[in-house]
Amino acid sequence: MITFDRSDRYTLIVCDQCPHWHAFAWDRAAAERRAAAHEESCHPGVRVIRSRSASRDTTRRARAQSAQCDTGGR
């Protein structure tokens, strides 16, 4: 449904179900936020991008907590 066309400098976000919609972002995080916002507003029953983003956030938090524990919280 939503695809990311990445280059070295930017990302173009396209929805194959909405030929009138596309977005541009300078980095991956911004691209994912824009895609998630489009998915939520135009395709509320679909959670592909939002689920993927939530999974990445959970993994990042777990890694950060693990690193903090490994250093004794410093």
N, C-alpha and C. Protein backbone atom coordinates (compact mmCIF):
# COMPACT_ATOMS: atom_id res chain seq x y z
N MET A 1 0.82 -1.18 0.00
CA MET A 1 0.00 0.00 0.00
C MET A 1 0.87 1.26 0.00
N ILE A 2 1.54 1.57 1.10
CA ILE A 2 2.42 2.74 1.15
C ILE A 2 3.84 2.27 0.93
N THR A 3 4.52 2.94 0.01
CA THR A 3 5.90 2.58 -0.28
C THR A 3 6.81 3.79 -0.07
N PHE A 4 8.07 3.48 0.20
CA PHE A 4 9.09 4.51 0.41
C PHE A 4 10.11 4.38 -0.71
N ASP A 5 10.31 5.46 -1.43
CA ASP A 5 11.33 5.50 -2.47
C ASP A 5 12.48 6.33 -1.90
N ARG A 6 13.49 5.63 -1.39
CA ARG A 6 14.59 6.31 -0.68
C ARG A 6 15.77 6.58 -1.60
N SER A 7 16.37 7.74 -1.39
CA SER A 7 17.62 8.08 -2.05
C SER A 7 18.62 8.41 -0.95
N ASP A 8 19.79 8.85 -1.32
CA ASP A 8 20.79 9.24 -0.32
C ASP A 8 20.36 10.47 0.47
N ARG A 9 19.51 11.30 -0.10
CA ARG A 9 19.19 12.59 0.51
C ARG A 9 17.77 12.74 1.00
N TYR A 10 16.83 12.00 0.47
CA TYR A 10 15.43 12.19 0.85
C TYR A 10 14.63 10.91 0.60
N THR A 11 13.36 10.95 1.03
CA THR A 11 12.45 9.83 0.82
C THR A 11 11.14 10.37 0.24
N LEU A 12 10.66 9.72 -0.80
CA LEU A 12 9.36 10.01 -1.38
C LEU A 12 8.42 8.92 -0.90
N ILE A 13 7.27 9.32 -0.34
CA ILE A 13 6.30 8.38 0.18
C ILE A 13 5.10 8.37 -0.76
N VAL A 14 4.68 7.17 -1.18
CA VAL A 14 3.59 7.04 -2.14
C VAL A 14 2.60 6.00 -1.64
N CYS A 15 1.32 6.28 -1.83
CA CYS A 15 0.26 5.32 -1.49
C CYS A 15 -0.34 4.82 -2.80
N ASP A 16 -0.26 3.53 -3.04
CA ASP A 16 -0.76 3.00 -4.31
C ASP A 16 -2.29 3.01 -4.40
N GLN A 17 -2.98 3.22 -3.28
CA GLN A 17 -4.43 3.29 -3.29
C GLN A 17 -4.96 4.73 -3.41
N CYS A 18 -4.08 5.69 -3.27
CA CYS A 18 -4.46 7.11 -3.35
C CYS A 18 -3.54 7.80 -4.37
N PRO A 19 -3.86 7.71 -5.65
CA PRO A 19 -2.95 8.26 -6.67
C PRO A 19 -2.74 9.78 -6.55
N HIS A 20 -3.61 10.46 -5.84
CA HIS A 20 -3.47 11.91 -5.66
C HIS A 20 -2.54 12.26 -4.50
N TRP A 21 -2.19 11.28 -3.65
CA TRP A 21 -1.41 11.56 -2.44
C TRP A 21 0.03 11.09 -2.57
N HIS A 22 0.93 11.93 -2.14
CA HIS A 22 2.34 11.56 -1.97
C HIS A 22 2.94 12.56 -0.98
N ALA A 23 4.06 12.20 -0.41
CA ALA A 23 4.71 13.08 0.56
C ALA A 23 6.22 12.97 0.38
N PHE A 24 6.92 13.92 0.97
CA PHE A 24 8.37 14.02 0.87
C PHE A 24 8.92 14.17 2.28
N ALA A 25 10.06 13.55 2.54
CA ALA A 25 10.71 13.70 3.85
C ALA A 25 12.22 13.67 3.68
N TRP A 26 12.90 14.38 4.55
CA TRP A 26 14.37 14.40 4.51
C TRP A 26 14.99 13.19 5.18
N ASP A 27 14.27 12.59 6.15
CA ASP A 27 14.85 11.45 6.85
C ASP A 27 13.80 10.36 7.06
N ARG A 28 14.26 9.20 7.50
CA ARG A 28 13.40 8.03 7.65
C ARG A 28 12.31 8.24 8.70
N ALA A 29 12.67 8.84 9.81
CA ALA A 29 11.69 9.06 10.88
C ALA A 29 10.55 9.95 10.41
N ALA A 30 10.87 11.02 9.72
CA ALA A 30 9.83 11.91 9.20
C ALA A 30 8.98 11.21 8.16
N ALA A 31 9.59 10.39 7.33
CA ALA A 31 8.85 9.63 6.31
C ALA A 31 7.86 8.69 6.97
N GLU A 32 8.29 8.01 8.02
CA GLU A 32 7.40 7.08 8.72
C GLU A 32 6.26 7.82 9.40
N ARG A 33 6.53 8.99 9.97
CA ARG A 33 5.46 9.78 10.61
C ARG A 33 4.43 10.22 9.57
N ARG A 34 4.88 10.68 8.43
CA ARG A 34 3.96 11.13 7.39
C ARG A 34 3.14 9.96 6.84
N ALA A 35 3.79 8.83 6.63
CA ALA A 35 3.08 7.64 6.14
C ALA A 35 2.05 7.17 7.16
N ALA A 36 2.43 7.16 8.43
CA ALA A 36 1.52 6.73 9.49
C ALA A 36 0.31 7.67 9.59
N ALA A 37 0.55 8.96 9.46
CA ALA A 37 -0.55 9.94 9.50
C ALA A 37 -1.50 9.73 8.33
N HIS A 38 -0.96 9.47 7.14
CA HIS A 38 -1.81 9.22 5.98
C HIS A 38 -2.60 7.93 6.19
N GLU A 39 -1.93 6.90 6.65
CA GLU A 39 -2.59 5.62 6.88
C GLU A 39 -3.74 5.79 7.88
N GLU A 40 -3.49 6.51 8.96
CA GLU A 40 -4.51 6.70 9.99
C GLU A 40 -5.71 7.50 9.47
N SER A 41 -5.45 8.55 8.71
CA SER A 41 -6.54 9.41 8.27
C SER A 41 -7.30 8.86 7.06
N CYS A 42 -6.62 8.17 6.16
CA CYS A 42 -7.27 7.71 4.93
C CYS A 42 -7.57 6.22 4.89
N HIS A 43 -6.88 5.44 5.69
CA HIS A 43 -7.05 3.99 5.71
C HIS A 43 -7.07 3.50 7.16
N PRO A 44 -8.06 3.92 7.96
CA PRO A 44 -8.05 3.64 9.39
C PRO A 44 -8.06 2.15 9.75
N GLY A 45 -8.55 1.29 8.88
CA GLY A 45 -8.57 -0.13 9.16
C GLY A 45 -7.24 -0.82 8.91
N VAL A 46 -6.32 -0.12 8.28
CA VAL A 46 -5.01 -0.68 7.94
C VAL A 46 -4.00 -0.15 8.96
N ARG A 47 -3.14 -1.05 9.45
CA ARG A 47 -2.15 -0.62 10.44
C ARG A 47 -0.75 -1.11 10.08
N VAL A 48 -0.42 -1.18 8.83
CA VAL A 48 0.88 -1.69 8.40
C VAL A 48 2.01 -0.77 8.85
N ILE A 49 1.95 0.48 8.48
CA ILE A 49 3.01 1.44 8.82
C ILE A 49 3.02 1.71 10.32
N ARG A 50 1.85 1.92 10.90
CA ARG A 50 1.78 2.22 12.33
C ARG A 50 2.27 1.04 13.17
N SER A 51 1.98 -0.18 12.78
CA SER A 51 2.47 -1.35 13.51
C SER A 51 3.97 -1.48 13.39
N ARG A 52 4.48 -1.25 12.20
CA ARG A 52 5.93 -1.33 11.97
C ARG A 52 6.66 -0.27 12.80
N SER A 53 6.12 0.94 12.83
CA SER A 53 6.73 2.03 13.59
C SER A 53 6.69 1.73 15.09
N ALA A 54 5.58 1.19 15.57
CA ALA A 54 5.45 0.86 16.99
C ALA A 54 6.44 -0.23 17.37
N SER A 55 6.63 -1.19 16.49
CA SER A 55 7.58 -2.27 16.76
C SER A 55 9.00 -1.72 16.85
N ARG A 56 9.37 -0.82 15.95
CA ARG A 56 10.70 -0.20 15.99
C ARG A 56 10.88 0.61 17.26
N ASP A 57 9.85 1.35 17.67
CA ASP A 57 9.94 2.14 18.90
C ASP A 57 10.17 1.25 20.12
N THR A 58 9.45 0.13 20.16
CA THR A 58 9.61 -0.80 21.28
C THR A 58 11.03 -1.37 21.31
N THR A 59 11.54 -1.74 20.15
CA THR A 59 12.91 -2.27 20.07
C THR A 59 13.92 -1.22 20.51
N ARG A 60 13.76 0.02 20.08
CA ARG A 60 14.68 1.09 20.48
C ARG A 60 14.67 1.31 21.98
N ARG A 61 13.46 1.32 22.57
CA ARG A 61 13.36 1.52 24.02
C ARG A 61 14.04 0.38 24.77
N ALA A 62 13.82 -0.85 24.31
CA ALA A 62 14.43 -2.00 24.97
C ALA A 62 15.95 -1.94 24.88
N ARG A 63 16.48 -1.56 23.74
CA ARG A 63 17.93 -1.44 23.59
C ARG A 63 18.49 -0.34 24.47
N ALA A 64 17.78 0.77 24.56
CA ALA A 64 18.24 1.88 25.40
C ALA A 64 18.23 1.48 26.88
N GLN A 65 17.20 0.77 27.30
CA GLN A 65 17.16 0.30 28.69
C GLN A 65 18.26 -0.70 28.96
N SER A 66 18.52 -1.59 28.02
CA SER A 66 19.57 -2.58 28.17
C SER A 66 20.94 -1.90 28.27
N ALA A 67 21.16 -0.92 27.45
CA ALA A 67 22.44 -0.20 27.47
C ALA A 67 22.61 0.54 28.79
N GLN A 68 21.52 1.10 29.29
CA GLN A 68 21.57 1.81 30.57
C GLN A 68 21.89 0.83 31.70
N CYS A 69 21.31 -0.36 31.66
CA CYS A 69 21.59 -1.37 32.69
C CYS A 69 23.02 -1.84 32.60
N ASP A 70 23.55 -1.99 31.39
CA ASP A 70 24.92 -2.45 31.20
C ASP A 70 25.95 -1.47 31.74
N THR A 71 25.61 -0.18 31.77
CA THR A 71 26.54 0.83 32.24
C THR A 71 26.26 1.23 33.68
N GLY A 72 25.34 0.53 34.30
CA GLY A 72 25.01 0.85 35.70
C GLY A 72 24.18 2.10 35.83
N GLY A 73 23.45 2.45 34.75
CA GLY A 73 22.59 3.63 34.80
C GLY A 73 23.31 4.94 34.59
N ARG A 74 24.55 4.89 34.16
CA ARG A 74 25.31 6.13 33.95
C ARG A 74 25.31 6.54 32.52
